[in-house]
């Protein structure tokens, strides 16, 4: 559970650090804003494909997203 909380928090922090909106990130992933919000709220986890897209969008490693 801690990893899910860390992922959700890191996604929100990175998005704000980059100045992106949830809508912008969702469009980059090809998902709805509601689906992306669920990632930031810790309700769901990204698919592997979207997880990789997120690492590229923020130029971070997989470990960085989960720490």
PDB file of N, CA and C in Angstrom:
ATOM      1  N   UNK A   1       0.816  -1.204   0.000  1.00  0.00           N
ATOM      2  CA  UNK A   1       0.000   0.000   0.000  1.00  0.00           C
ATOM      3  C   UNK A   1       0.855   1.260   0.000  1.00  0.00           C
ATOM      4  N   UNK A   2       1.978   1.197   0.676  1.00  0.00           N
ATOM      5  CA  UNK A   2       2.838   2.378   0.748  1.00  0.00           C
ATOM      6  C   UNK A   2       3.325   2.790  -0.639  1.00  0.00           C
ATOM      7  N   UNK A   3       3.626   1.799  -1.486  1.00  0.00           N
ATOM      8  CA  UNK A   3       4.086   2.102  -2.835  1.00  0.00           C
ATOM      9  C   UNK A   3       3.016   2.831  -3.631  1.00  0.00           C
ATOM     10  N   UNK A   4       1.772   2.415  -3.454  1.00  0.00           N
ATOM     11  CA  UNK A   4       0.665   3.070  -4.163  1.00  0.00           C
ATOM     12  C   UNK A   4       0.517   4.508  -3.697  1.00  0.00           C
ATOM     13  N   UNK A   5       0.633   4.740  -2.393  1.00  0.00           N
ATOM     14  CA  UNK A   5       0.561   6.096  -1.851  1.00  0.00           C
ATOM     15  C   UNK A   5       1.718   6.940  -2.399  1.00  0.00           C
ATOM     16  N   UNK A   6       2.926   6.350  -2.413  1.00  0.00           N
ATOM     17  CA  UNK A   6       4.099   7.082  -2.916  1.00  0.00           C
ATOM     18  C   UNK A   6       3.940   7.435  -4.386  1.00  0.00           C
ATOM     19  N   UNK A   7       3.450   6.487  -5.175  1.00  0.00           N
ATOM     20  CA  UNK A   7       3.240   6.746  -6.595  1.00  0.00           C
ATOM     21  C   UNK A   7       2.249   7.885  -6.787  1.00  0.00           C
ATOM     22  N   UNK A   8       1.141   7.835  -6.086  1.00  0.00           N
ATOM     23  CA  UNK A   8       0.113   8.875  -6.216  1.00  0.00           C
ATOM     24  C   UNK A   8       0.682  10.244  -5.847  1.00  0.00           C
ATOM     25  N   UNK A   9       1.394  10.294  -4.734  1.00  0.00           N
ATOM     26  CA  UNK A   9       1.977  11.567  -4.281  1.00  0.00           C
ATOM     27  C   UNK A   9       3.024  12.067  -5.272  1.00  0.00           C
ATOM     28  N   UNK A  10       3.876  11.169  -5.752  1.00  0.00           N
ATOM     29  CA  UNK A  10       4.926  11.571  -6.690  1.00  0.00           C
ATOM     30  C   UNK A  10       4.343  12.064  -8.010  1.00  0.00           C
ATOM     31  N   UNK A  11       3.294  11.416  -8.482  1.00  0.00           N
ATOM     32  CA  UNK A  11       2.667  11.874  -9.725  1.00  0.00           C
ATOM     33  C   UNK A  11       2.107  13.280  -9.570  1.00  0.00           C
ATOM     34  N   UNK A  12       1.458  13.528  -8.452  1.00  0.00           N
ATOM     35  CA  UNK A  12       0.892  14.862  -8.211  1.00  0.00           C
ATOM     36  C   UNK A  12       2.001  15.901  -8.066  1.00  0.00           C
ATOM     37  N   UNK A  13       3.038  15.564  -7.292  1.00  0.00           N
ATOM     38  CA  UNK A  13       4.152  16.504  -7.083  1.00  0.00           C
ATOM     39  C   UNK A  13       4.866  16.823  -8.391  1.00  0.00           C
ATOM     40  N   UNK A  14       5.147  15.801  -9.194  1.00  0.00           N
ATOM     41  CA  UNK A  14       5.830  16.031 -10.471  1.00  0.00           C
ATOM     42  C   UNK A  14       4.975  16.872 -11.412  1.00  0.00           C
ATOM     43  N   UNK A  15       3.697  16.564 -11.458  1.00  0.00           N
ATOM     44  CA  UNK A  15       2.801  17.326 -12.346  1.00  0.00           C
ATOM     45  C   UNK A  15       2.821  18.798 -11.970  1.00  0.00           C
ATOM     46  N   UNK A  16       2.743  19.083 -10.691  1.00  0.00           N
ATOM     47  CA  UNK A  16       2.754  20.478 -10.246  1.00  0.00           C
ATOM     48  C   UNK A  16       4.117  21.117 -10.490  1.00  0.00           C
ATOM     49  N   UNK A  17       5.180  20.364 -10.263  1.00  0.00           N
ATOM     50  CA  UNK A  17       6.535  20.878 -10.484  1.00  0.00           C
ATOM     51  C   UNK A  17       6.733  21.289 -11.944  1.00  0.00           C
ATOM     52  N   UNK A  18       6.169  20.520 -12.858  1.00  0.00           N
ATOM     53  CA  UNK A  18       6.293  20.813 -14.284  1.00  0.00           C
ATOM     54  C   UNK A  18       5.258  21.819 -14.764  1.00  0.00           C
ATOM     55  N   UNK A  19       4.299  22.142 -13.912  1.00  0.00           N
ATOM     56  CA  UNK A  19       3.277  23.110 -14.290  1.00  0.00           C
ATOM     57  C   UNK A  19       2.219  22.541 -15.211  1.00  0.00           C
ATOM     58  N   UNK A  20       2.038  21.225 -15.187  1.00  0.00           N
ATOM     59  CA  UNK A  20       1.054  20.572 -16.044  1.00  0.00           C
ATOM     60  C   UNK A  20      -0.291  20.472 -15.334  1.00  0.00           C
ATOM     61  N   UNK A  21      -1.340  20.456 -16.124  1.00  0.00           N
ATOM     62  CA  UNK A  21      -2.671  20.180 -15.582  1.00  0.00           C
ATOM     63  C   UNK A  21      -2.932  18.678 -15.680  1.00  0.00           C
ATOM     64  N   UNK A  22      -3.916  18.213 -14.926  1.00  0.00           N
ATOM     65  CA  UNK A  22      -4.301  16.807 -15.027  1.00  0.00           C
ATOM     66  C   UNK A  22      -4.790  16.498 -16.441  1.00  0.00           C
ATOM     67  N   UNK A  23      -5.491  17.440 -17.038  1.00  0.00           N
ATOM     68  CA  UNK A  23      -5.995  17.249 -18.404  1.00  0.00           C
ATOM     69  C   UNK A  23      -4.846  17.076 -19.387  1.00  0.00           C
ATOM     70  N   UNK A  24      -3.801  17.892 -19.252  1.00  0.00           N
ATOM     71  CA  UNK A  24      -2.642  17.792 -20.143  1.00  0.00           C
ATOM     72  C   UNK A  24      -1.986  16.424 -20.016  1.00  0.00           C
ATOM     73  N   UNK A  25      -1.747  15.981 -18.794  1.00  0.00           N
ATOM     74  CA  UNK A  25      -1.086  14.688 -18.587  1.00  0.00           C
ATOM     75  C   UNK A  25      -1.961  13.560 -19.131  1.00  0.00           C
ATOM     76  N   UNK A  26      -3.251  13.639 -18.870  1.00  0.00           N
ATOM     77  CA  UNK A  26      -4.171  12.614 -19.376  1.00  0.00           C
ATOM     78  C   UNK A  26      -4.105  12.527 -20.898  1.00  0.00           C
ATOM     79  N   UNK A  27      -4.053  13.669 -21.564  1.00  0.00           N
ATOM     80  CA  UNK A  27      -3.962  13.676 -23.029  1.00  0.00           C
ATOM     81  C   UNK A  27      -2.651  13.056 -23.509  1.00  0.00           C
ATOM     82  N   UNK A  28      -1.573  13.300 -22.786  1.00  0.00           N
ATOM     83  CA  UNK A  28      -0.284  12.706 -23.146  1.00  0.00           C
ATOM     84  C   UNK A  28      -0.327  11.187 -23.035  1.00  0.00           C
ATOM     85  N   UNK A  29      -1.132  10.693 -22.096  1.00  0.00           N
ATOM     86  CA  UNK A  29      -1.248   9.256 -21.881  1.00  0.00           C
ATOM     87  C   UNK A  29      -2.327   8.620 -22.751  1.00  0.00           C
ATOM     88  N   UNK A  30      -3.185   9.466 -23.326  1.00  0.00           N
ATOM     89  CA  UNK A  30      -4.282   8.957 -24.135  1.00  0.00           C
ATOM     90  C   UNK A  30      -5.411   8.372 -23.303  1.00  0.00           C
ATOM     91  N   UNK A  31      -5.630   8.956 -22.117  1.00  0.00           N
ATOM     92  CA  UNK A  31      -6.694   8.492 -21.228  1.00  0.00           C
ATOM     93  C   UNK A  31      -7.556   9.679 -20.822  1.00  0.00           C
ATOM     94  N   UNK A  32      -8.652   9.408 -20.151  1.00  0.00           N
ATOM     95  CA  UNK A  32      -9.509  10.485 -19.677  1.00  0.00           C
ATOM     96  C   UNK A  32      -8.893  11.146 -18.444  1.00  0.00           C
ATOM     97  N   UNK A  33      -9.322  12.352 -18.202  1.00  0.00           N
ATOM     98  CA  UNK A  33      -8.853  13.064 -17.019  1.00  0.00           C
ATOM     99  C   UNK A  33      -9.253  12.307 -15.748  1.00  0.00           C
ATOM    100  N   UNK A  34     -10.434  11.723 -15.748  1.00  0.00           N
ATOM    101  CA  UNK A  34     -10.901  10.972 -14.587  1.00  0.00           C
ATOM    102  C   UNK A  34     -10.002   9.759 -14.314  1.00  0.00           C
ATOM    103  N   UNK A  35      -9.550   9.116 -15.373  1.00  0.00           N
ATOM    104  CA  UNK A  35      -8.640   7.977 -15.199  1.00  0.00           C
ATOM    105  C   UNK A  35      -7.318   8.433 -14.606  1.00  0.00           C
ATOM    106  N   UNK A  36      -6.822   9.577 -15.086  1.00  0.00           N
ATOM    107  CA  UNK A  36      -5.568  10.089 -14.531  1.00  0.00           C
ATOM    108  C   UNK A  36      -5.746  10.514 -13.079  1.00  0.00           C
ATOM    109  N   UNK A  37      -6.867  11.152 -12.759  1.00  0.00           N
ATOM    110  CA  UNK A  37      -7.129  11.549 -11.378  1.00  0.00           C
ATOM    111  C   UNK A  37      -7.076  10.343 -10.445  1.00  0.00           C
ATOM    112  N   UNK A  38      -7.570   9.215 -10.915  1.00  0.00           N
ATOM    113  CA  UNK A  38      -7.551   8.000 -10.098  1.00  0.00           C
ATOM    114  C   UNK A  38      -6.115   7.583  -9.778  1.00  0.00           C
ATOM    115  N   UNK A  39      -5.177   7.853 -10.683  1.00  0.00           N
ATOM    116  CA  UNK A  39      -3.765   7.576 -10.397  1.00  0.00           C
ATOM    117  C   UNK A  39      -3.290   8.461  -9.243  1.00  0.00           C
ATOM    118  N   UNK A  40      -3.583   9.752  -9.328  1.00  0.00           N
ATOM    119  CA  UNK A  40      -3.120  10.690  -8.300  1.00  0.00           C
ATOM    120  C   UNK A  40      -3.813  10.486  -6.958  1.00  0.00           C
ATOM    121  N   UNK A  41      -4.997   9.940  -6.984  1.00  0.00           N
ATOM    122  CA  UNK A  41      -5.723   9.685  -5.735  1.00  0.00           C
ATOM    123  C   UNK A  41      -5.380   8.325  -5.150  1.00  0.00           C
ATOM    124  N   UNK A  42      -4.577   7.546  -5.871  1.00  0.00           N
ATOM    125  CA  UNK A  42      -4.188   6.231  -5.380  1.00  0.00           C
ATOM    126  C   UNK A  42      -5.281   5.186  -5.491  1.00  0.00           C
ATOM    127  N   UNK A  43      -6.258   5.424  -6.357  1.00  0.00           N
ATOM    128  CA  UNK A  43      -7.356   4.472  -6.529  1.00  0.00           C
ATOM    129  C   UNK A  43      -7.018   3.370  -7.525  1.00  0.00           C
ATOM    130  N   UNK A  44      -6.203   3.711  -8.516  1.00  0.00           N
ATOM    131  CA  UNK A  44      -5.755   2.747  -9.513  1.00  0.00           C
ATOM    132  C   UNK A  44      -4.290   3.009  -9.829  1.00  0.00           C
ATOM    133  N   UNK A  45      -3.682   2.053 -10.476  1.00  0.00           N
ATOM    134  CA  UNK A  45      -2.285   2.220 -10.905  1.00  0.00           C
ATOM    135  C   UNK A  45      -2.239   2.285 -12.426  1.00  0.00           C
ATOM    136  N   UNK A  46      -1.268   2.994 -12.960  1.00  0.00           N
ATOM    137  CA  UNK A  46      -1.153   3.080 -14.420  1.00  0.00           C
ATOM    138  C   UNK A  46      -0.834   1.711 -15.025  1.00  0.00           C
ATOM    139  N   UNK A  47      -1.284   1.530 -16.246  1.00  0.00           N
ATOM    140  CA  UNK A  47      -0.857   0.345 -16.995  1.00  0.00           C
ATOM    141  C   UNK A  47       0.648   0.460 -17.200  1.00  0.00           C
ATOM    142  N   UNK A  48       1.282  -0.634 -17.549  1.00  0.00           N
ATOM    143  CA  UNK A  48       2.721  -0.599 -17.802  1.00  0.00           C
ATOM    144  C   UNK A  48       3.053   0.409 -18.894  1.00  0.00           C
ATOM    145  N   UNK A  49       2.240   0.440 -19.941  1.00  0.00           N
ATOM    146  CA  UNK A  49       2.460   1.371 -21.046  1.00  0.00           C
ATOM    147  C   UNK A  49       2.386   2.814 -20.545  1.00  0.00           C
ATOM    148  N   UNK A  50       1.389   3.135 -19.732  1.00  0.00           N
ATOM    149  CA  UNK A  50       1.260   4.497 -19.218  1.00  0.00           C
ATOM    150  C   UNK A  50       2.327   4.815 -18.184  1.00  0.00           C
ATOM    151  N   UNK A  51       2.747   3.822 -17.423  1.00  0.00           N
ATOM    152  CA  UNK A  51       3.825   4.028 -16.462  1.00  0.00           C
ATOM    153  C   UNK A  51       5.087   4.455 -17.200  1.00  0.00           C
ATOM    154  N   UNK A  52       5.376   3.785 -18.296  1.00  0.00           N
ATOM    155  CA  UNK A  52       6.560   4.133 -19.101  1.00  0.00           C
ATOM    156  C   UNK A  52       6.403   5.529 -19.700  1.00  0.00           C
ATOM    157  N   UNK A  53       5.210   5.854 -20.192  1.00  0.00           N
ATOM    158  CA  UNK A  53       4.973   7.196 -20.730  1.00  0.00           C
ATOM    159  C   UNK A  53       5.203   8.261 -19.658  1.00  0.00           C
ATOM    160  N   UNK A  54       4.797   7.975 -18.432  1.00  0.00           N
ATOM    161  CA  UNK A  54       4.984   8.935 -17.334  1.00  0.00           C
ATOM    162  C   UNK A  54       6.467   9.135 -17.033  1.00  0.00           C
ATOM    163  N   UNK A  55       7.253   8.064 -17.068  1.00  0.00           N
ATOM    164  CA  UNK A  55       8.692   8.227 -16.813  1.00  0.00           C
ATOM    165  C   UNK A  55       9.331   9.092 -17.891  1.00  0.00           C
ATOM    166  N   UNK A  56       8.860   8.936 -19.121  1.00  0.00           N
ATOM    167  CA  UNK A  56       9.407   9.747 -20.216  1.00  0.00           C
ATOM    168  C   UNK A  56       8.929  11.192 -20.128  1.00  0.00           C
ATOM    169  N   UNK A  57       7.670  11.384 -19.778  1.00  0.00           N
ATOM    170  CA  UNK A  57       7.117  12.733 -19.668  1.00  0.00           C
ATOM    171  C   UNK A  57       7.872  13.555 -18.629  1.00  0.00           C
ATOM    172  N   UNK A  58       8.189  12.912 -17.509  1.00  0.00           N
ATOM    173  CA  UNK A  58       8.857  13.618 -16.416  1.00  0.00           C
ATOM    174  C   UNK A  58      10.368  13.384 -16.378  1.00  0.00           C
ATOM    175  N   UNK A  59      10.869  12.568 -17.314  1.00  0.00           N
ATOM    176  CA  UNK A  59      12.302  12.266 -17.379  1.00  0.00           C
ATOM    177  C   UNK A  59      12.817  11.749 -16.031  1.00  0.00           C
ATOM    178  N   UNK A  60      12.126  10.749 -15.521  1.00  0.00           N
ATOM    179  CA  UNK A  60      12.518  10.113 -14.261  1.00  0.00           C
ATOM    180  C   UNK A  60      12.549   8.598 -14.477  1.00  0.00           C
ATOM    181  N   UNK A  61      13.176   7.903 -13.542  1.00  0.00           N
ATOM    182  CA  UNK A  61      13.202   6.445 -13.609  1.00  0.00           C
ATOM    183  C   UNK A  61      11.944   5.859 -12.980  1.00  0.00           C
ATOM    184  N   UNK A  62      11.731   4.592 -13.225  1.00  0.00           N
ATOM    185  CA  UNK A  62      10.607   3.890 -12.586  1.00  0.00           C
ATOM    186  C   UNK A  62      10.746   3.953 -11.074  1.00  0.00           C
ATOM    187  N   UNK A  63      11.960   3.763 -10.595  1.00  0.00           N
ATOM    188  CA  UNK A  63      12.202   3.819  -9.142  1.00  0.00           C
ATOM    189  C   UNK A  63      11.841   5.186  -8.566  1.00  0.00           C
ATOM    190  N   UNK A  64      12.140   6.250  -9.320  1.00  0.00           N
ATOM    191  CA  UNK A  64      11.819   7.597  -8.841  1.00  0.00           C
ATOM    192  C   UNK A  64      10.314   7.776  -8.649  1.00  0.00           C
ATOM    193  N   UNK A  65       9.527   7.178  -9.524  1.00  0.00           N
ATOM    194  CA  UNK A  65       8.071   7.309  -9.388  1.00  0.00           C
ATOM    195  C   UNK A  65       7.553   6.547  -8.177  1.00  0.00           C
ATOM    196  N   UNK A  66       8.224   5.474  -7.800  1.00  0.00           N
ATOM    197  CA  UNK A  66       7.730   4.625  -6.722  1.00  0.00           C
ATOM    198  C   UNK A  66       8.303   4.959  -5.351  1.00  0.00           C
ATOM    199  N   UNK A  67       9.381   5.733  -5.295  1.00  0.00           N
ATOM    200  CA  UNK A  67      10.017   6.042  -4.008  1.00  0.00           C
ATOM    201  C   UNK A  67       9.179   6.964  -3.175  1.00  0.00           C
TER     202      UNK A  67
END
